[in-house]
Amino acid sequence: METKKRNTYRDLTASGICLALCIVLPFLTGQIPQIGNALSPMHIPVLLCGFISGPFYAAAVGAIAPFLRFILFSMPPFFPTVIPTGAVVCGAAMCFEMAVYGLSAGLLYKLLPKKLAFTYVSLIISMVLGRVVWGIAMYLILGVAALPFSFEAFIAGAFINAVPGIILHIAVIPVIVLALKKARLME
């Protein structure tokens, strides 16, 4: 029983740290939406939370982080907003996207063997699923707002414009997971 309680405290603490990182990391992009959209710094802690704390804690962190950041700093815009590049940013859609990132990363990591190759598999599948959910959420939200959202806009927003962030996530997250495992800070 003591181990279960200790794991719950550890997972809750790690989730809190990941949520705090979701709030702080976007400051590295200097609050410039174009750079933030390209690097997606809020996604890193949510994906890490899935690997560290499990699917449900990570889904909660992913769902809460964009809204909390909007409440604190008005970024990302929670309601559909067109940025200077012509892209539409919507923090509400990010809530769904990031919740799926955390949920799927945690579930896949739990189900697959704990080898580095499967960490990459979990990460890539989670990023694809999250981006698909983002596209669906954007389509529904923009439909209600009577704004267009084409398949081309989905591909551009989810994949083409996000290439720097995708590369960053694939390069950084498995290395952090491996380091945490070697330091025995995660199972």
C-alpha atoms as a PDB file:
ATOM      1  CA  MET A   1       0.000   0.000   0.000  1.00  0.00           C
ATOM      2  CA  GLU A   2       2.858   2.382   0.830  1.00  0.00           C
ATOM      3  CA  THR A   3       4.380   1.909  -2.647  1.00  0.00           C
ATOM      4  CA  LYS A   4       1.066   2.709  -4.337  1.00  0.00           C
ATOM      5  CA  LYS A   5       0.729   5.895  -2.282  1.00  0.00           C
ATOM      6  CA  ARG A   6       4.343   6.860  -3.056  1.00  0.00           C
ATOM      7  CA  ASN A   7       3.733   6.297  -6.796  1.00  0.00           C
ATOM      8  CA  THR A   8       0.588   8.420  -6.648  1.00  0.00           C
ATOM      9  CA  TYR A   9       2.508  11.244  -4.981  1.00  0.00           C
ATOM     10  CA  ARG A  10       5.333  10.882  -7.482  1.00  0.00           C
ATOM     11  CA  ASP A  11       2.941  10.934 -10.450  1.00  0.00           C
ATOM     12  CA  LEU A  12       1.018  13.895  -9.084  1.00  0.00           C
ATOM     13  CA  THR A  13       4.244  15.807  -8.413  1.00  0.00           C
ATOM     14  CA  ALA A  14       5.645  15.017 -11.865  1.00  0.00           C
ATOM     15  CA  SER A  15       2.353  16.103 -13.434  1.00  0.00           C
ATOM     16  CA  GLY A  16       2.479  19.386 -11.547  1.00  0.00           C
ATOM     17  CA  ILE A  17       6.027  19.984 -12.756  1.00  0.00           C
ATOM     18  CA  CYS A  18       4.967  19.197 -16.329  1.00  0.00           C
ATOM     19  CA  LEU A  19       2.036  21.603 -16.047  1.00  0.00           C
ATOM     20  CA  ALA A  20       4.392  24.298 -14.756  1.00  0.00           C
ATOM     21  CA  LEU A  21       6.705  23.629 -17.706  1.00  0.00           C
ATOM     22  CA  CYS A  22       3.736  24.020 -20.075  1.00  0.00           C
ATOM     23  CA  ILE A  23       3.255  27.497 -18.644  1.00  0.00           C
ATOM     24  CA  VAL A  24       6.949  28.497 -18.678  1.00  0.00           C
ATOM     25  CA  LEU A  25       8.446  26.887 -21.824  1.00  0.00           C
ATOM     26  CA  PRO A  26       6.533  29.073 -24.323  1.00  0.00           C
ATOM     27  CA  PHE A  27       8.439  32.068 -22.941  1.00  0.00           C
ATOM     28  CA  LEU A  28      11.490  30.607 -24.695  1.00  0.00           C
ATOM     29  CA  THR A  29       9.832  31.469 -28.010  1.00  0.00           C
ATOM     30  CA  GLY A  30       9.510  35.061 -26.863  1.00  0.00           C
ATOM     31  CA  GLN A  31       5.735  35.058 -27.162  1.00  0.00           C
ATOM     32  CA  ILE A  32       6.116  35.151 -30.964  1.00  0.00           C
ATOM     33  CA  PRO A  33       3.206  33.043 -32.251  1.00  0.00           C
ATOM     34  CA  GLN A  34       4.982  31.995 -35.459  1.00  0.00           C
ATOM     35  CA  ILE A  35       7.941  30.530 -33.567  1.00  0.00           C
ATOM     36  CA  GLY A  36       5.686  29.040 -30.887  1.00  0.00           C
ATOM     37  CA  ASN A  37       3.528  27.355 -33.540  1.00  0.00           C
ATOM     38  CA  ALA A  38       6.623  25.970 -35.252  1.00  0.00           C
ATOM     39  CA  LEU A  39       8.339  24.602 -32.111  1.00  0.00           C
ATOM     40  CA  SER A  40       5.262  23.727 -30.007  1.00  0.00           C
ATOM     41  CA  PRO A  41       7.028  24.059 -26.641  1.00  0.00           C
ATOM     42  CA  MET A  42       3.867  23.252 -24.631  1.00  0.00           C
ATOM     43  CA  HIS A  43       3.674  19.822 -26.234  1.00  0.00           C
ATOM     44  CA  ILE A  44       6.988  18.623 -24.780  1.00  0.00           C
ATOM     45  CA  PRO A  45       5.940  18.503 -21.091  1.00  0.00           C
ATOM     46  CA  VAL A  46       2.586  16.902 -21.938  1.00  0.00           C
ATOM     47  CA  LEU A  47       4.225  14.124 -23.937  1.00  0.00           C
ATOM     48  CA  LEU A  48       6.826  13.654 -21.187  1.00  0.00           C
ATOM     49  CA  CYS A  49       4.051  13.498 -18.602  1.00  0.00           C
ATOM     50  CA  GLY A  50       2.517  10.604 -20.538  1.00  0.00           C
ATOM     51  CA  PHE A  51       5.772   8.673 -20.302  1.00  0.00           C
ATOM     52  CA  ILE A  52       6.460   9.606 -16.670  1.00  0.00           C
ATOM     53  CA  SER A  53       3.068   9.739 -14.932  1.00  0.00           C
ATOM     54  CA  GLY A  54       0.804   7.730 -17.196  1.00  0.00           C
ATOM     55  CA  PRO A  55      -2.104   8.404 -19.497  1.00  0.00           C
ATOM     56  CA  PHE A  56      -4.666   9.937 -17.172  1.00  0.00           C
ATOM     57  CA  TYR A  57      -2.418  12.447 -15.425  1.00  0.00           C
ATOM     58  CA  ALA A  58      -0.968  13.450 -18.796  1.00  0.00           C
ATOM     59  CA  ALA A  59      -4.407  13.823 -20.389  1.00  0.00           C
ATOM     60  CA  ALA A  60      -5.408  16.131 -17.535  1.00  0.00           C
ATOM     61  CA  VAL A  61      -2.229  18.204 -17.907  1.00  0.00           C
ATOM     62  CA  GLY A  62      -2.762  18.415 -21.677  1.00  0.00           C
ATOM     63  CA  ALA A  63      -6.386  19.470 -21.337  1.00  0.00           C
ATOM     64  CA  ILE A  64      -5.677  22.086 -18.664  1.00  0.00           C
ATOM     65  CA  ALA A  65      -2.420  23.665 -19.887  1.00  0.00           C
ATOM     66  CA  PRO A  66      -3.639  25.743 -22.890  1.00  0.00           C
ATOM     67  CA  PHE A  67      -6.630  27.078 -20.957  1.00  0.00           C
ATOM     68  CA  LEU A  68      -4.543  27.909 -17.871  1.00  0.00           C
ATOM     69  CA  ARG A  69      -1.929  29.646 -20.003  1.00  0.00           C
ATOM     70  CA  PHE A  70      -4.660  31.627 -21.738  1.00  0.00           C
ATOM     71  CA  ILE A  71      -6.108  32.686 -18.363  1.00  0.00           C
ATOM     72  CA  LEU A  72      -2.678  33.770 -17.107  1.00  0.00           C
ATOM     73  CA  PHE A  73      -1.114  35.307 -20.228  1.00  0.00           C
ATOM     74  CA  SER A  74      -3.826  35.485 -22.947  1.00  0.00           C
ATOM     75  CA  MET A  75      -1.711  33.115 -25.053  1.00  0.00           C
ATOM     76  CA  PRO A  76      -2.491  30.963 -26.887  1.00  0.00           C
ATOM     77  CA  PRO A  77      -5.733  32.686 -27.880  1.00  0.00           C
ATOM     78  CA  PHE A  78      -8.445  30.364 -26.620  1.00  0.00           C
ATOM     79  CA  PHE A  79     -10.918  31.299 -29.329  1.00  0.00           C
ATOM     80  CA  PRO A  80     -10.088  31.149 -33.057  1.00  0.00           C
ATOM     81  CA  THR A  81      -7.651  33.933 -33.955  1.00  0.00           C
ATOM     82  CA  VAL A  82      -5.887  34.616 -37.248  1.00  0.00           C
ATOM     83  CA  ILE A  83      -2.161  35.320 -36.748  1.00  0.00           C
ATOM     84  CA  PRO A  84      -0.041  37.430 -39.156  1.00  0.00           C
ATOM     85  CA  THR A  85       1.011  34.383 -41.208  1.00  0.00           C
ATOM     86  CA  GLY A  86      -2.654  33.768 -42.007  1.00  0.00           C
ATOM     87  CA  ALA A  87      -2.864  30.638 -39.858  1.00  0.00           C
ATOM     88  CA  VAL A  88      -5.664  30.252 -37.335  1.00  0.00           C
ATOM     89  CA  VAL A  89      -4.681  29.580 -33.712  1.00  0.00           C
ATOM     90  CA  CYS A  90      -7.204  28.182 -31.245  1.00  0.00           C
ATOM     91  CA  GLY A  91      -6.290  27.208 -27.693  1.00  0.00           C
ATOM     92  CA  ALA A  92      -9.562  25.299 -27.293  1.00  0.00           C
ATOM     93  CA  ALA A  93      -8.499  22.922 -30.081  1.00  0.00           C
ATOM     94  CA  MET A  94      -5.087  22.621 -28.404  1.00  0.00           C
ATOM     95  CA  CYS A  95      -6.785  21.366 -25.226  1.00  0.00           C
ATOM     96  CA  PHE A  96      -8.136  18.374 -27.139  1.00  0.00           C
ATOM     97  CA  GLU A  97      -4.907  17.847 -29.074  1.00  0.00           C
ATOM     98  CA  MET A  98      -2.693  17.889 -26.008  1.00  0.00           C
ATOM     99  CA  ALA A  99      -5.036  15.727 -23.963  1.00  0.00           C
ATOM    100  CA  VAL A 100      -4.766  13.092 -26.707  1.00  0.00           C
ATOM    101  CA  TYR A 101      -0.970  13.504 -26.769  1.00  0.00           C
ATOM    102  CA  GLY A 102      -0.731  12.738 -23.081  1.00  0.00           C
ATOM    103  CA  LEU A 103      -3.334   9.980 -23.083  1.00  0.00           C
ATOM    104  CA  SER A 104      -1.916   8.127 -26.075  1.00  0.00           C
ATOM    105  CA  ALA A 105       1.738   8.551 -25.065  1.00  0.00           C
ATOM    106  CA  GLY A 106       0.961   7.165 -21.616  1.00  0.00           C
ATOM    107  CA  LEU A 107      -1.164   4.278 -22.891  1.00  0.00           C
ATOM    108  CA  LEU A 108       1.269   3.246 -25.619  1.00  0.00           C
ATOM    109  CA  TYR A 109       4.253   3.478 -23.294  1.00  0.00           C
ATOM    110  CA  LYS A 110       2.425   1.327 -20.766  1.00  0.00           C
ATOM    111  CA  LEU A 111       1.430  -1.296 -23.372  1.00  0.00           C
ATOM    112  CA  LEU A 112       4.613  -1.523 -25.460  1.00  0.00           C
ATOM    113  CA  PRO A 113       7.993  -2.915 -24.355  1.00  0.00           C
ATOM    114  CA  LYS A 114      10.158  -0.422 -22.462  1.00  0.00           C
ATOM    115  CA  LYS A 115      12.853  -0.209 -25.128  1.00  0.00           C
ATOM    116  CA  LEU A 116      14.073   3.002 -26.756  1.00  0.00           C
ATOM    117  CA  ALA A 117      12.673   2.041 -30.171  1.00  0.00           C
ATOM    118  CA  PHE A 118       9.193   1.672 -28.697  1.00  0.00           C
ATOM    119  CA  THR A 119       9.534   5.041 -26.986  1.00  0.00           C
ATOM    120  CA  TYR A 120       9.932   6.520 -30.471  1.00  0.00           C
ATOM    121  CA  VAL A 121       6.961   4.489 -31.719  1.00  0.00           C
ATOM    122  CA  SER A 122       4.795   5.706 -28.820  1.00  0.00           C
ATOM    123  CA  LEU A 123       5.896   9.281 -29.390  1.00  0.00           C
ATOM    124  CA  ILE A 124       5.284   9.329 -33.141  1.00  0.00           C
ATOM    125  CA  ILE A 125       1.890   7.619 -32.936  1.00  0.00           C
ATOM    126  CA  SER A 126       0.858  10.019 -30.158  1.00  0.00           C
ATOM    127  CA  MET A 127       1.913  13.039 -32.192  1.00  0.00           C
ATOM    128  CA  VAL A 128      -0.062  11.839 -35.225  1.00  0.00           C
ATOM    129  CA  LEU A 129      -3.170  11.061 -33.148  1.00  0.00           C
ATOM    130  CA  GLY A 130      -3.006  14.417 -31.375  1.00  0.00           C
ATOM    131  CA  ARG A 131      -2.682  16.287 -34.651  1.00  0.00           C
ATOM    132  CA  VAL A 132      -5.643  14.429 -36.141  1.00  0.00           C
ATOM    133  CA  VAL A 133      -7.738  15.310 -33.087  1.00  0.00           C
ATOM    134  CA  TRP A 134      -6.545  18.926 -33.394  1.00  0.00           C
ATOM    135  CA  GLY A 135      -7.770  18.953 -36.998  1.00  0.00           C
ATOM    136  CA  ILE A 136     -11.169  17.568 -36.027  1.00  0.00           C
ATOM    137  CA  ALA A 137     -11.489  20.064 -33.158  1.00  0.00           C
ATOM    138  CA  MET A 138     -10.456  22.955 -35.403  1.00  0.00           C
ATOM    139  CA  TYR A 139     -12.957  21.884 -38.056  1.00  0.00           C
ATOM    140  CA  LEU A 140     -15.783  21.747 -35.500  1.00  0.00           C
ATOM    141  CA  ILE A 141     -14.836  24.961 -33.681  1.00  0.00           C
ATOM    142  CA  LEU A 142     -14.288  26.939 -36.872  1.00  0.00           C
ATOM    143  CA  GLY A 143     -17.521  25.531 -38.279  1.00  0.00           C
ATOM    144  CA  VAL A 144     -19.405  26.958 -35.313  1.00  0.00           C
ATOM    145  CA  ALA A 145     -17.536  30.264 -35.763  1.00  0.00           C
ATOM    146  CA  ALA A 146     -18.429  30.213 -39.501  1.00  0.00           C
ATOM    147  CA  LEU A 147     -14.736  30.268 -40.483  1.00  0.00           C
ATOM    148  CA  PRO A 148     -13.338  28.001 -43.196  1.00  0.00           C
ATOM    149  CA  PHE A 149     -10.951  25.162 -42.351  1.00  0.00           C
ATOM    150  CA  SER A 150      -9.864  23.173 -45.388  1.00  0.00           C
ATOM    151  CA  PHE A 151      -7.916  19.944 -45.623  1.00  0.00           C
ATOM    152  CA  GLU A 152      -4.990  22.007 -46.919  1.00  0.00           C
ATOM    153  CA  ALA A 153      -5.150  24.194 -43.801  1.00  0.00           C
ATOM    154  CA  PHE A 154      -5.140  21.038 -41.664  1.00  0.00           C
ATOM    155  CA  ILE A 155      -2.080  19.598 -43.436  1.00  0.00           C
ATOM    156  CA  ALA A 156      -0.261  22.929 -43.242  1.00  0.00           C
ATOM    157  CA  GLY A 157      -1.088  23.532 -39.570  1.00  0.00           C
ATOM    158  CA  ALA A 158      -0.631  19.992 -38.322  1.00  0.00           C
ATOM    159  CA  PHE A 159       2.376  18.878 -40.318  1.00  0.00           C
ATOM    160  CA  ILE A 160       4.077  21.271 -42.756  1.00  0.00           C
ATOM    161  CA  ASN A 161       4.340  24.314 -40.463  1.00  0.00           C
ATOM    162  CA  ALA A 162       5.060  22.043 -37.500  1.00  0.00           C
ATOM    163  CA  VAL A 163       8.135  20.292 -38.958  1.00  0.00           C
ATOM    164  CA  PRO A 164      10.615  22.127 -36.660  1.00  0.00           C
ATOM    165  CA  GLY A 165       8.576  21.137 -33.593  1.00  0.00           C
ATOM    166  CA  ILE A 166       8.156  17.554 -34.792  1.00  0.00           C
ATOM    167  CA  ILE A 167      11.927  17.247 -35.255  1.00  0.00           C
ATOM    168  CA  LEU A 168      12.554  18.855 -31.864  1.00  0.00           C
ATOM    169  CA  HIS A 169      10.133  16.495 -30.109  1.00  0.00           C
ATOM    170  CA  ILE A 170      11.571  13.390 -31.776  1.00  0.00           C
ATOM    171  CA  ALA A 171      15.110  14.514 -30.917  1.00  0.00           C
ATOM    172  CA  VAL A 172      14.523  15.593 -27.313  1.00  0.00           C
ATOM    173  CA  ILE A 173      11.738  13.561 -25.695  1.00  0.00           C
ATOM    174  CA  PRO A 174      13.175  10.012 -26.039  1.00  0.00           C
ATOM    175  CA  VAL A 175      16.549  11.267 -24.775  1.00  0.00           C
ATOM    176  CA  ILE A 176      14.878  12.777 -21.694  1.00  0.00           C
ATOM    177  CA  VAL A 177      12.899   9.582 -21.088  1.00  0.00           C
ATOM    178  CA  LEU A 178      16.093   7.516 -21.379  1.00  0.00           C
ATOM    179  CA  ALA A 179      17.934   9.856 -18.989  1.00  0.00           C
ATOM    180  CA  LEU A 180      15.089   9.681 -16.447  1.00  0.00           C
ATOM    181  CA  LYS A 181      15.098   5.883 -16.649  1.00  0.00           C
ATOM    182  CA  LYS A 182      18.863   5.714 -16.172  1.00  0.00           C
ATOM    183  CA  ALA A 183      18.584   8.052 -13.184  1.00  0.00           C
ATOM    184  CA  ARG A 184      15.816   5.767 -11.846  1.00  0.00           C
ATOM    185  CA  LEU A 185      13.380   8.659 -11.694  1.00  0.00           C
ATOM    186  CA  MET A 186      10.809   6.684 -13.668  1.00  0.00           C
ATOM    187  CA  GLU A 187       9.943   3.041 -14.130  1.00  0.00           C
END
